[in-house]
Amino acid sequence: MDRFEDCKMKCLSNCSCLAYTYVNNIGCLVWYKELFDNQQYPSLGEDLYIRLAYSELGEGKPRKLIANLTSSCLTKAWILSYIWLYGSRVCNGWDIF
């Protein structure tokens, strides 16, 4: 197992673990009480993995998000198609209706 997976398992096996990250040349960092860190790193940063209870994720949110994005994209495509069709008819001198 790699070091990141070891760090992940260390956090997931402890109910008090709130978050974890793995930083090269430093190692595994795990938070148990507060998500507070006063370290400054010279790089752009690392991914922080925060543990959430299933109840905090909310039921059905991914489906609602996908449905909203799909309907929004379809609406925009319809409007752009209408504008393009209307514009090409006006520019070419065709009857609009």
Protein backbone atom coordinates (compact mmCIF):
# COMPACT_ATOMS: atom_id res chain seq x y z
CA MET A 1 0.00 0.00 0.00
CA ASP A 2 1.27 3.51 -0.73
CA ARG A 3 1.71 6.22 1.86
CA PHE A 4 -1.41 8.16 0.86
CA GLU A 5 -3.57 5.04 1.28
CA ASP A 6 -1.95 4.36 4.67
CA CYS A 7 -2.78 7.92 5.72
CA LYS A 8 -6.35 7.53 4.50
CA MET A 9 -6.80 4.27 6.41
CA LYS A 10 -5.32 5.84 9.54
CA CYS A 11 -8.01 8.52 9.47
CA LEU A 12 -10.91 6.30 8.42
CA SER A 13 -10.14 3.77 11.15
CA ASN A 14 -10.44 6.43 13.87
CA CYS A 15 -13.92 7.83 14.58
CA SER A 16 -12.42 11.07 15.96
CA CYS A 17 -10.60 11.91 12.73
CA LEU A 18 -12.04 15.00 11.03
CA ALA A 19 -9.68 15.37 8.06
CA TYR A 20 -6.40 14.18 6.61
CA THR A 21 -3.84 14.96 3.94
CA TYR A 22 -0.57 13.51 2.79
CA VAL A 23 2.28 15.90 2.02
CA ASN A 24 5.41 14.66 0.27
CA ASN A 25 8.56 15.03 2.39
CA ILE A 26 6.39 15.68 5.47
CA GLY A 27 4.06 12.71 5.69
CA CYS A 28 0.56 12.13 6.94
CA LEU A 29 -1.28 14.99 8.62
CA VAL A 30 -4.46 14.16 10.54
CA TRP A 31 -6.88 16.51 12.33
CA TYR A 32 -8.87 15.27 15.33
CA LYS A 33 -10.40 18.33 17.03
CA GLU A 34 -10.38 21.48 14.91
CA LEU A 35 -9.46 22.08 11.30
CA PHE A 36 -6.76 24.54 12.21
CA ASP A 37 -3.22 24.55 10.87
CA ASN A 38 -0.64 27.29 11.21
CA GLN A 39 1.91 25.75 8.85
CA GLN A 40 2.84 27.57 5.64
CA TYR A 41 4.10 25.48 2.76
CA PRO A 42 6.20 26.80 -0.13
CA SER A 43 4.14 24.90 -2.71
CA LEU A 44 0.67 25.73 -3.98
CA GLY A 45 -0.93 23.53 -1.35
CA GLU A 46 -2.24 20.03 -0.88
CA ASP A 47 -5.64 18.39 -1.06
CA LEU A 48 -7.42 18.20 2.27
CA TYR A 49 -9.84 15.30 2.68
CA ILE A 50 -12.64 16.07 5.12
CA ARG A 51 -14.73 13.30 6.60
CA LEU A 52 -18.48 13.84 6.55
CA ALA A 53 -21.30 11.75 7.89
CA TYR A 54 -23.61 10.34 5.24
CA SER A 55 -26.43 12.43 6.71
CA GLU A 56 -24.44 15.62 6.02
CA LEU A 57 -24.18 14.86 2.31
CA GLY A 58 -27.90 15.22 1.74
CA GLU A 59 -30.07 12.75 -0.09
CA GLY A 60 -30.75 13.26 -3.78
CA LYS A 61 -28.51 16.31 -4.20
CA PRO A 62 -26.40 14.80 -7.02
CA ARG A 63 -29.54 13.91 -8.99
CA LYS A 64 -31.00 17.39 -8.52
CA LEU A 65 -27.73 18.96 -9.62
CA ILE A 66 -27.57 16.81 -12.76
CA ALA A 67 -31.21 17.55 -13.59
CA ASN A 68 -30.71 21.30 -13.12
CA LEU A 69 -27.56 21.36 -15.23
CA THR A 70 -29.20 19.32 -17.99
CA SER A 71 -32.30 21.49 -18.16
CA SER A 72 -30.18 24.64 -18.09
CA CYS A 73 -27.98 23.42 -20.95
CA LEU A 74 -30.98 22.35 -23.02
CA THR A 75 -32.67 25.70 -22.48
CA LYS A 76 -29.53 27.59 -23.52
CA ALA A 77 -29.13 25.36 -26.59
CA TRP A 78 -32.74 26.01 -27.60
CA ILE A 79 -32.37 29.78 -27.18
CA LEU A 80 -29.09 29.87 -29.13
CA SER A 81 -30.63 27.74 -31.90
CA TYR A 82 -33.60 30.09 -32.12
CA ILE A 83 -31.34 33.16 -32.26
CA TRP A 84 -29.16 31.57 -34.94
CA LEU A 85 -32.17 30.47 -37.01
CA TYR A 86 -33.87 33.88 -36.65
CA GLY A 87 -30.63 35.71 -37.46
CA SER A 88 -29.89 33.65 -40.55
CA ARG A 89 -33.43 34.18 -41.86
CA VAL A 90 -33.25 37.95 -41.35
CA CYS A 91 -29.77 38.24 -42.91
CA ASN A 92 -30.79 36.17 -45.96
CA GLY A 93 -34.08 38.01 -46.44
CA TRP A 94 -36.27 34.96 -45.84
CA ASP A 95 -39.72 35.16 -44.36
CA ILE A 96 -39.44 34.80 -40.60
CA PHE A 97 -42.65 32.78 -40.20
